[in-house]
mmCIF file of all heavy atoms, coordinates in Angstrom:
data_MODEL
# 
_entry.id   MODEL 
# 
loop_
_atom_site.group_PDB 
_atom_site.id 
_atom_site.type_symbol 
_atom_site.label_atom_id 
_atom_site.label_alt_id 
_atom_site.label_comp_id 
_atom_site.label_asym_id 
_atom_site.label_entity_id 
_atom_site.label_seq_id 
_atom_site.pdbx_PDB_ins_code 
_atom_site.Cartn_x 
_atom_site.Cartn_y 
_atom_site.Cartn_z 
_atom_site.occupancy 
_atom_site.B_iso_or_equiv 
_atom_site.pdbx_formal_charge 
_atom_site.auth_seq_id 
_atom_site.auth_comp_id 
_atom_site.auth_asym_id 
_atom_site.auth_atom_id 
_atom_site.pdbx_PDB_model_num 
ATOM 1   N N   . HIS A 1 1  ? 76.397 61.436 131.111 1.00 0.00 ? 1  HIS A N   1 
ATOM 2   C CA  . HIS A 1 1  ? 76.877 62.771 131.455 1.00 0.00 ? 1  HIS A CA  1 
ATOM 3   C C   . HIS A 1 1  ? 77.927 63.277 130.477 1.00 0.00 ? 1  HIS A C   1 
ATOM 4   O O   . HIS A 1 1  ? 78.970 62.642 130.244 1.00 0.00 ? 1  HIS A O   1 
ATOM 5   C CB  . HIS A 1 1  ? 77.464 62.794 132.865 1.00 0.00 ? 1  HIS A CB  1 
ATOM 6   C CG  . HIS A 1 1  ? 76.442 62.479 133.943 1.00 0.00 ? 1  HIS A CG  1 
ATOM 7   N ND1 . HIS A 1 1  ? 75.356 63.253 134.163 1.00 0.00 ? 1  HIS A ND1 1 
ATOM 8   C CD2 . HIS A 1 1  ? 76.335 61.383 134.736 1.00 0.00 ? 1  HIS A CD2 1 
ATOM 9   C CE1 . HIS A 1 1  ? 74.641 62.685 135.163 1.00 0.00 ? 1  HIS A CE1 1 
ATOM 10  N NE2 . HIS A 1 1  ? 75.207 61.551 135.475 1.00 0.00 ? 1  HIS A NE2 1 
ATOM 11  N N   . GLY A 1 2  ? 77.707 64.444 129.876 1.00 0.00 ? 2  GLY A N   1 
ATOM 12  C CA  . GLY A 1 2  ? 78.716 65.130 129.040 1.00 0.00 ? 2  GLY A CA  1 
ATOM 13  C C   . GLY A 1 2  ? 78.926 64.487 127.695 1.00 0.00 ? 2  GLY A C   1 
ATOM 14  O O   . GLY A 1 2  ? 78.529 63.344 127.426 1.00 0.00 ? 2  GLY A O   1 
ATOM 15  N N   . PRO A 1 3  ? 79.544 65.219 126.775 1.00 0.00 ? 3  PRO A N   1 
ATOM 16  C CA  . PRO A 1 3  ? 79.775 64.727 125.403 1.00 0.00 ? 3  PRO A CA  1 
ATOM 17  C C   . PRO A 1 3  ? 80.544 63.434 125.313 1.00 0.00 ? 3  PRO A C   1 
ATOM 18  O O   . PRO A 1 3  ? 80.206 62.562 124.548 1.00 0.00 ? 3  PRO A O   1 
ATOM 19  C CB  . PRO A 1 3  ? 80.525 65.884 124.741 1.00 0.00 ? 3  PRO A CB  1 
ATOM 20  C CG  . PRO A 1 3  ? 80.156 67.097 125.557 1.00 0.00 ? 3  PRO A CG  1 
ATOM 21  C CD  . PRO A 1 3  ? 80.010 66.622 126.955 1.00 0.00 ? 3  PRO A CD  1 
ATOM 22  N N   . VAL A 1 4  ? 81.554 63.310 126.164 1.00 0.00 ? 4  VAL A N   1 
ATOM 23  C CA  . VAL A 1 4  ? 82.400 62.071 126.134 1.00 0.00 ? 4  VAL A CA  1 
ATOM 24  C C   . VAL A 1 4  ? 81.530 60.857 126.533 1.00 0.00 ? 4  VAL A C   1 
ATOM 25  O O   . VAL A 1 4  ? 81.508 59.785 125.847 1.00 0.00 ? 4  VAL A O   1 
ATOM 26  C CB  . VAL A 1 4  ? 83.617 62.196 126.999 1.00 0.00 ? 4  VAL A CB  1 
ATOM 27  C CG1 . VAL A 1 4  ? 84.410 60.893 127.041 1.00 0.00 ? 4  VAL A CG1 1 
ATOM 28  C CG2 . VAL A 1 4  ? 84.509 63.304 126.479 1.00 0.00 ? 4  VAL A CG2 1 
ATOM 29  N N   . GLY A 1 5  ? 80.826 60.988 127.650 1.00 0.00 ? 5  GLY A N   1 
ATOM 30  C CA  . GLY A 1 5  ? 80.021 59.859 128.141 1.00 0.00 ? 5  GLY A CA  1 
ATOM 31  C C   . GLY A 1 5  ? 78.931 59.523 127.152 1.00 0.00 ? 5  GLY A C   1 
ATOM 32  O O   . GLY A 1 5  ? 78.594 58.303 126.972 1.00 0.00 ? 5  GLY A O   1 
ATOM 33  N N   . ARG A 1 6  ? 78.344 60.510 126.524 1.00 0.00 ? 6  ARG A N   1 
ATOM 34  C CA  . ARG A 1 6  ? 77.301 60.242 125.544 1.00 0.00 ? 6  ARG A CA  1 
ATOM 35  C C   . ARG A 1 6  ? 77.815 59.574 124.276 1.00 0.00 ? 6  ARG A C   1 
ATOM 36  O O   . ARG A 1 6  ? 77.178 58.702 123.715 1.00 0.00 ? 6  ARG A O   1 
ATOM 37  C CB  . ARG A 1 6  ? 76.576 61.589 125.200 1.00 0.00 ? 6  ARG A CB  1 
ATOM 38  C CG  . ARG A 1 6  ? 75.715 62.068 126.362 1.00 0.00 ? 6  ARG A CG  1 
ATOM 39  C CD  . ARG A 1 6  ? 75.289 63.520 126.314 1.00 0.00 ? 6  ARG A CD  1 
ATOM 40  N NE  . ARG A 1 6  ? 74.537 63.848 127.478 1.00 0.00 ? 6  ARG A NE  1 
ATOM 41  C CZ  . ARG A 1 6  ? 74.232 65.072 127.860 1.00 0.00 ? 6  ARG A CZ  1 
ATOM 42  N NH1 . ARG A 1 6  ? 74.697 66.125 127.157 1.00 0.00 ? 6  ARG A NH1 1 
ATOM 43  N NH2 . ARG A 1 6  ? 73.511 65.325 128.953 1.00 0.00 ? 6  ARG A NH2 1 
ATOM 44  N N   . GLU A 1 7  ? 78.994 59.995 123.838 1.00 0.00 ? 7  GLU A N   1 
ATOM 45  C CA  . GLU A 1 7  ? 79.560 59.341 122.669 1.00 0.00 ? 7  GLU A CA  1 
ATOM 46  C C   . GLU A 1 7  ? 79.853 57.911 122.980 1.00 0.00 ? 7  GLU A C   1 
ATOM 47  O O   . GLU A 1 7  ? 79.647 56.983 122.156 1.00 0.00 ? 7  GLU A O   1 
ATOM 48  C CB  . GLU A 1 7  ? 80.842 60.075 122.193 1.00 0.00 ? 7  GLU A CB  1 
ATOM 49  C CG  . GLU A 1 7  ? 81.456 59.455 120.978 1.00 0.00 ? 7  GLU A CG  1 
ATOM 50  C CD  . GLU A 1 7  ? 82.624 60.194 120.426 1.00 0.00 ? 7  GLU A CD  1 
ATOM 51  O OE1 . GLU A 1 7  ? 82.801 61.390 120.760 1.00 0.00 ? 7  GLU A OE1 1 
ATOM 52  O OE2 . GLU A 1 7  ? 83.388 59.576 119.669 1.00 0.00 ? 7  GLU A OE2 1 
ATOM 53  N N   . LYS A 1 8  ? 80.435 57.602 124.155 1.00 0.00 ? 8  LYS A N   1 
ATOM 54  C CA  . LYS A 1 8  ? 80.767 56.229 124.529 1.00 0.00 ? 8  LYS A CA  1 
ATOM 55  C C   . LYS A 1 8  ? 79.503 55.383 124.581 1.00 0.00 ? 8  LYS A C   1 
ATOM 56  O O   . LYS A 1 8  ? 79.449 54.235 124.078 1.00 0.00 ? 8  LYS A O   1 
ATOM 57  C CB  . LYS A 1 8  ? 81.453 56.242 125.870 1.00 0.00 ? 8  LYS A CB  1 
ATOM 58  C CG  . LYS A 1 8  ? 82.871 56.694 125.856 1.00 0.00 ? 8  LYS A CG  1 
ATOM 59  C CD  . LYS A 1 8  ? 83.505 56.581 127.270 1.00 0.00 ? 8  LYS A CD  1 
ATOM 60  C CE  . LYS A 1 8  ? 84.975 57.012 127.246 1.00 0.00 ? 8  LYS A CE  1 
ATOM 61  N NZ  . LYS A 1 8  ? 85.542 56.945 128.626 1.00 0.00 ? 8  LYS A NZ  1 
ATOM 62  N N   . ALA A 1 9  ? 78.418 55.960 125.163 1.00 0.00 ? 9  ALA A N   1 
ATOM 63  C CA  . ALA A 1 9  ? 77.134 55.204 125.237 1.00 0.00 ? 9  ALA A CA  1 
ATOM 64  C C   . ALA A 1 9  ? 76.608 54.896 123.848 1.00 0.00 ? 9  ALA A C   1 
ATOM 65  O O   . ALA A 1 9  ? 76.124 53.768 123.586 1.00 0.00 ? 9  ALA A O   1 
ATOM 66  C CB  . ALA A 1 9  ? 76.152 55.973 126.089 1.00 0.00 ? 9  ALA A CB  1 
ATOM 67  N N   . LEU A 1 10 ? 76.657 55.899 122.966 1.00 0.00 ? 10 LEU A N   1 
ATOM 68  C CA  . LEU A 1 10 ? 76.115 55.714 121.625 1.00 0.00 ? 10 LEU A CA  1 
ATOM 69  C C   . LEU A 1 10 ? 76.958 54.645 120.883 1.00 0.00 ? 10 LEU A C   1 
ATOM 70  O O   . LEU A 1 10 ? 76.408 53.860 120.089 1.00 0.00 ? 10 LEU A O   1 
ATOM 71  C CB  . LEU A 1 10 ? 76.081 57.034 120.879 1.00 0.00 ? 10 LEU A CB  1 
ATOM 72  C CG  . LEU A 1 10 ? 75.075 58.030 121.385 1.00 0.00 ? 10 LEU A CG  1 
ATOM 73  C CD1 . LEU A 1 10 ? 75.306 59.407 120.693 1.00 0.00 ? 10 LEU A CD1 1 
ATOM 74  C CD2 . LEU A 1 10 ? 73.664 57.553 121.082 1.00 0.00 ? 10 LEU A CD2 1 
ATOM 75  N N   . ARG A 1 11 ? 78.256 54.657 121.056 1.00 0.00 ? 11 ARG A N   1 
ATOM 76  C CA  . ARG A 1 11 ? 79.124 53.655 120.392 1.00 0.00 ? 11 ARG A CA  1 
ATOM 77  C C   . ARG A 1 11 ? 78.793 52.259 120.936 1.00 0.00 ? 11 ARG A C   1 
ATOM 78  O O   . ARG A 1 11 ? 78.714 51.315 120.126 1.00 0.00 ? 11 ARG A O   1 
ATOM 79  C CB  . ARG A 1 11 ? 80.580 53.949 120.673 1.00 0.00 ? 11 ARG A CB  1 
ATOM 80  C CG  . ARG A 1 11 ? 81.139 55.141 119.865 1.00 0.00 ? 11 ARG A CG  1 
ATOM 81  C CD  . ARG A 1 11 ? 82.658 55.316 120.029 1.00 0.00 ? 11 ARG A CD  1 
ATOM 82  N NE  . ARG A 1 11 ? 83.161 56.415 119.301 1.00 0.00 ? 11 ARG A NE  1 
ATOM 83  C CZ  . ARG A 1 11 ? 83.480 56.392 117.979 1.00 0.00 ? 11 ARG A CZ  1 
ATOM 84  N NH1 . ARG A 1 11 ? 83.284 55.225 117.304 1.00 0.00 ? 11 ARG A NH1 1 
ATOM 85  N NH2 . ARG A 1 11 ? 83.956 57.452 117.393 1.00 0.00 ? 11 ARG A NH2 1 
ATOM 86  N N   . ARG A 1 12 ? 78.537 52.096 122.226 1.00 0.00 ? 12 ARG A N   1 
ATOM 87  C CA  . ARG A 1 12 ? 78.189 50.823 122.761 1.00 0.00 ? 12 ARG A CA  1 
ATOM 88  C C   . ARG A 1 12 ? 76.893 50.331 122.148 1.00 0.00 ? 12 ARG A C   1 
ATOM 89  O O   . ARG A 1 12 ? 76.654 49.110 122.054 1.00 0.00 ? 12 ARG A O   1 
ATOM 90  C CB  . ARG A 1 12 ? 78.002 50.923 124.337 1.00 0.00 ? 12 ARG A CB  1 
ATOM 91  C CG  . ARG A 1 12 ? 79.344 50.950 125.057 1.00 0.00 ? 12 ARG A CG  1 
ATOM 92  C CD  . ARG A 1 12 ? 79.094 50.664 126.554 1.00 0.00 ? 12 ARG A CD  1 
ATOM 93  N NE  . ARG A 1 12 ? 78.150 51.536 127.186 1.00 0.00 ? 12 ARG A NE  1 
ATOM 94  C CZ  . ARG A 1 12 ? 78.479 52.698 127.733 1.00 0.00 ? 12 ARG A CZ  1 
ATOM 95  N NH1 . ARG A 1 12 ? 79.723 53.084 127.760 1.00 0.00 ? 12 ARG A NH1 1 
ATOM 96  N NH2 . ARG A 1 12 ? 77.534 53.414 128.343 1.00 0.00 ? 12 ARG A NH2 1 
ATOM 97  N N   . LEU A 1 13 ? 76.032 51.249 121.752 1.00 0.00 ? 13 LEU A N   1 
ATOM 98  C CA  . LEU A 1 13 ? 74.752 50.869 121.158 1.00 0.00 ? 13 LEU A CA  1 
ATOM 99  C C   . LEU A 1 13 ? 74.793 50.750 119.640 1.00 0.00 ? 13 LEU A C   1 
ATOM 100 O O   . LEU A 1 13 ? 73.804 50.630 118.979 1.00 0.00 ? 13 LEU A O   1 
ATOM 101 C CB  . LEU A 1 13 ? 73.679 51.914 121.555 1.00 0.00 ? 13 LEU A CB  1 
ATOM 102 C CG  . LEU A 1 13 ? 73.290 51.891 123.028 1.00 0.00 ? 13 LEU A CG  1 
ATOM 103 C CD1 . LEU A 1 13 ? 72.482 53.148 123.366 1.00 0.00 ? 13 LEU A CD1 1 
ATOM 104 C CD2 . LEU A 1 13 ? 72.481 50.634 123.330 1.00 0.00 ? 13 LEU A CD2 1 
ATOM 105 N N   . GLY A 1 14 ? 76.063 50.788 119.097 1.00 0.00 ? 14 GLY A N   1 
ATOM 106 C CA  . GLY A 1 14 ? 76.224 50.530 117.662 1.00 0.00 ? 14 GLY A CA  1 
ATOM 107 C C   . GLY A 1 14 ? 76.183 51.745 116.769 1.00 0.00 ? 14 GLY A C   1 
ATOM 108 O O   . GLY A 1 14 ? 76.196 51.580 115.535 1.00 0.00 ? 14 GLY A O   1 
ATOM 109 N N   . MET A 1 15 ? 76.158 52.947 117.345 1.00 0.00 ? 15 MET A N   1 
ATOM 110 C CA  . MET A 1 15 ? 76.160 54.140 116.513 1.00 0.00 ? 15 MET A CA  1 
ATOM 111 C C   . MET A 1 15 ? 77.550 54.502 115.974 1.00 0.00 ? 15 MET A C   1 
ATOM 112 O O   . MET A 1 15 ? 78.546 54.388 116.728 1.00 0.00 ? 15 MET A O   1 
ATOM 113 C CB  . MET A 1 15 ? 75.553 55.328 117.288 1.00 0.00 ? 15 MET A CB  1 
ATOM 114 C CG  . MET A 1 15 ? 74.169 55.163 117.780 1.00 0.00 ? 15 MET A CG  1 
ATOM 115 S SD  . MET A 1 15 ? 72.921 54.924 116.458 1.00 0.00 ? 15 MET A SD  1 
ATOM 116 C CE  . MET A 1 15 ? 72.717 53.129 116.555 1.00 0.00 ? 15 MET A CE  1 
ATOM 117 N N   . ARG A 1 16 ? 77.670 54.948 114.740 1.00 0.00 ? 16 ARG A N   1 
ATOM 118 C CA  . ARG A 1 16 ? 78.927 55.292 114.127 1.00 0.00 ? 16 ARG A CA  1 
ATOM 119 C C   . ARG A 1 16 ? 78.783 56.555 113.239 1.00 0.00 ? 16 ARG A C   1 
ATOM 120 O O   . ARG A 1 16 ? 77.648 56.931 112.914 1.00 0.00 ? 16 ARG A O   1 
ATOM 121 C CB  . ARG A 1 16 ? 79.441 54.153 113.258 1.00 0.00 ? 16 ARG A CB  1 
ATOM 122 C CG  . ARG A 1 16 ? 79.727 52.846 114.019 1.00 0.00 ? 16 ARG A CG  1 
ATOM 123 C CD  . ARG A 1 16 ? 80.931 52.986 114.931 1.00 0.00 ? 16 ARG A CD  1 
ATOM 124 N NE  . ARG A 1 16 ? 81.291 51.718 115.562 1.00 0.00 ? 16 ARG A NE  1 
ATOM 125 C CZ  . ARG A 1 16 ? 80.781 51.317 116.778 1.00 0.00 ? 16 ARG A CZ  1 
ATOM 126 N NH1 . ARG A 1 16 ? 79.879 52.091 117.416 1.00 0.00 ? 16 ARG A NH1 1 
ATOM 127 N NH2 . ARG A 1 16 ? 81.120 50.172 117.272 1.00 0.00 ? 16 ARG A NH2 1 
ATOM 128 N N   . GLY A 1 17 ? 79.921 57.173 112.929 1.00 0.00 ? 17 GLY A N   1 
ATOM 129 C CA  . GLY A 1 17 ? 79.957 58.212 111.960 1.00 0.00 ? 17 GLY A CA  1 
ATOM 130 C C   . GLY A 1 17 ? 79.088 59.446 112.358 1.00 0.00 ? 17 GLY A C   1 
ATOM 131 O O   . GLY A 1 17 ? 79.153 59.935 113.487 1.00 0.00 ? 17 GLY A O   1 
ATOM 132 N N   . ARG A 1 18 ? 78.286 59.905 111.419 1.00 0.00 ? 18 ARG A N   1 
ATOM 133 C CA  . ARG A 1 18 ? 77.481 61.112 111.640 1.00 0.00 ? 18 ARG A CA  1 
ATOM 134 C C   . ARG A 1 18 ? 76.544 61.008 112.766 1.00 0.00 ? 18 ARG A C   1 
ATOM 135 O O   . ARG A 1 18 ? 76.170 62.028 113.364 1.00 0.00 ? 18 ARG A O   1 
ATOM 136 C CB  . ARG A 1 18 ? 76.761 61.471 110.341 1.00 0.00 ? 18 ARG A CB  1 
ATOM 137 C CG  . ARG A 1 18 ? 77.669 61.835 109.156 1.00 0.00 ? 18 ARG A CG  1 
ATOM 138 C CD  . ARG A 1 18 ? 76.892 61.976 107.880 1.00 0.00 ? 18 ARG A CD  1 
ATOM 139 N NE  . ARG A 1 18 ? 75.751 62.941 108.017 1.00 0.00 ? 18 ARG A NE  1 
ATOM 140 C CZ  . ARG A 1 18 ? 74.848 63.118 107.071 1.00 0.00 ? 18 ARG A CZ  1 
ATOM 141 N NH1 . ARG A 1 18 ? 74.871 62.402 105.934 1.00 0.00 ? 18 ARG A NH1 1 
ATOM 142 N NH2 . ARG A 1 18 ? 73.918 64.018 107.235 1.00 0.00 ? 18 ARG A NH2 1 
ATOM 143 N N   . MET A 1 19 ? 76.142 59.772 113.095 1.00 0.00 ? 19 MET A N   1 
ATOM 144 C CA  . MET A 1 19 ? 75.155 59.574 114.169 1.00 0.00 ? 19 MET A CA  1 
ATOM 145 C C   . MET A 1 19 ? 75.731 59.953 115.520 1.00 0.00 ? 19 MET A C   1 
ATOM 146 O O   . MET A 1 19 ? 75.012 60.075 116.516 1.00 0.00 ? 19 MET A O   1 
ATOM 147 C CB  . MET A 1 19 ? 74.569 58.202 114.119 1.00 0.00 ? 19 MET A CB  1 
ATOM 148 C CG  . MET A 1 19 ? 73.878 57.855 112.854 1.00 0.00 ? 19 MET A CG  1 
ATOM 149 S SD  . MET A 1 19 ? 72.894 56.349 112.891 1.00 0.00 ? 19 MET A SD  1 
ATOM 150 C CE  . MET A 1 19 ? 71.353 56.975 113.581 1.00 0.00 ? 19 MET A CE  1 
ATOM 151 N N   . LEU A 1 20 ? 77.072 60.038 115.613 1.00 0.00 ? 20 LEU A N   1 
ATOM 152 C CA  . LEU A 1 20 ? 77.688 60.373 116.889 1.00 0.00 ? 20 LEU A CA  1 
ATOM 153 C C   . LEU A 1 20 ? 77.757 61.866 117.156 1.00 0.00 ? 20 LEU A C   1 
ATOM 154 O O   . LEU A 1 20 ? 78.022 62.285 118.275 1.00 0.00 ? 20 LEU A O   1 
ATOM 155 C CB  . LEU A 1 20 ? 79.110 59.813 116.928 1.00 0.00 ? 20 LEU A CB  1 
ATOM 156 C CG  . LEU A 1 20 ? 79.261 58.303 116.895 1.00 0.00 ? 20 LEU A CG  1 
ATOM 157 C CD1 . LEU A 1 20 ? 80.683 57.894 116.785 1.00 0.00 ? 20 LEU A CD1 1 
ATOM 158 C CD2 . LEU A 1 20 ? 78.652 57.640 118.143 1.00 0.00 ? 20 LEU A CD2 1 
ATOM 159 N N   . LYS A 1 21 ? 77.456 62.685 116.094 1.00 0.00 ? 21 LYS A N   1 
ATOM 160 C CA  . LYS A 1 21 ? 77.561 64.153 116.254 1.00 0.00 ? 21 LYS A CA  1 
ATOM 161 C C   . LYS A 1 21 ? 76.542 64.659 117.279 1.00 0.00 ? 21 LYS A C   1 
ATOM 162 O O   . LYS A 1 21 ? 76.755 65.717 117.886 1.00 0.00 ? 21 LYS A O   1 
ATOM 163 C CB  . LYS A 1 21 ? 77.302 64.804 114.891 1.00 0.00 ? 21 LYS A CB  1 
ATOM 164 C CG  . LYS A 1 21 ? 78.455 64.639 113.908 1.00 0.00 ? 21 LYS A CG  1 
ATOM 165 C CD  . LYS A 1 21 ? 78.182 65.427 112.658 1.00 0.00 ? 21 LYS A CD  1 
ATOM 166 C CE  . LYS A 1 21 ? 79.389 65.295 111.681 1.00 0.00 ? 21 LYS A CE  1 
ATOM 167 N NZ  . LYS A 1 21 ? 79.158 66.045 110.438 1.00 0.00 ? 21 LYS A NZ  1 
ATOM 168 N N   . VAL A 1 22 ? 75.422 63.900 117.482 1.00 0.00 ? 22 VAL A N   1 
ATOM 169 C CA  . VAL A 1 22 ? 74.436 64.384 118.426 1.00 0.00 ? 22 VAL A CA  1 
ATOM 170 C C   . VAL A 1 22 ? 75.020 64.467 119.839 1.00 0.00 ? 22 VAL A C   1 
ATOM 171 O O   . VAL A 1 22 ? 74.528 65.234 120.696 1.00 0.00 ? 22 VAL A O   1 
ATOM 172 C CB  . VAL A 1 22 ? 73.213 63.418 118.386 1.00 0.00 ? 22 VAL A CB  1 
ATOM 173 C CG1 . VAL A 1 22 ? 73.511 62.075 119.012 1.00 0.00 ? 22 VAL A CG1 1 
ATOM 174 C CG2 . VAL A 1 22 ? 72.030 64.066 119.071 1.00 0.00 ? 22 VAL A CG2 1 
ATOM 175 N N   . ALA A 1 23 ? 76.089 63.729 120.103 1.00 0.00 ? 23 ALA A N   1 
ATOM 176 C CA  . ALA A 1 23 ? 76.699 63.767 121.453 1.00 0.00 ? 23 ALA A CA  1 
ATOM 177 C C   . ALA A 1 23 ? 77.238 65.153 121.831 1.00 0.00 ? 23 ALA A C   1 
ATOM 178 O O   . ALA A 1 23 ? 77.344 65.494 122.982 1.00 0.00 ? 23 ALA A O   1 
ATOM 179 C CB  . ALA A 1 23 ? 77.879 62.759 121.558 1.00 0.00 ? 23 ALA A CB  1 
ATOM 180 N N   . LEU A 1 24 ? 77.488 65.967 120.796 1.00 0.00 ? 24 LEU A N   1 
ATOM 181 C CA  . LEU A 1 24 ? 78.034 67.327 121.020 1.00 0.00 ? 24 LEU A CA  1 
ATOM 182 C C   . LEU A 1 24 ? 76.944 68.367 121.079 1.00 0.00 ? 24 LEU A C   1 
ATOM 183 O O   . LEU A 1 24 ? 77.175 69.536 121.337 1.00 0.00 ? 24 LEU A O   1 
ATOM 184 C CB  . LEU A 1 24 ? 78.988 67.670 119.880 1.00 0.00 ? 24 LEU A CB  1 
ATOM 185 C CG  . LEU A 1 24 ? 80.200 66.735 119.726 1.00 0.00 ? 24 LEU A CG  1 
ATOM 186 C CD1 . LEU A 1 24 ? 80.980 67.142 118.460 1.00 0.00 ? 24 LEU A CD1 1 
ATOM 187 C CD2 . LEU A 1 24 ? 81.073 66.769 120.926 1.00 0.00 ? 24 LEU A CD2 1 
# 
């Protein structure tokens, strides 16, 4: 849920840098 939750989930899955922009 939401940009913050999505960024946290993506980080847990190893995503970094530009790949985190999709959370927004």
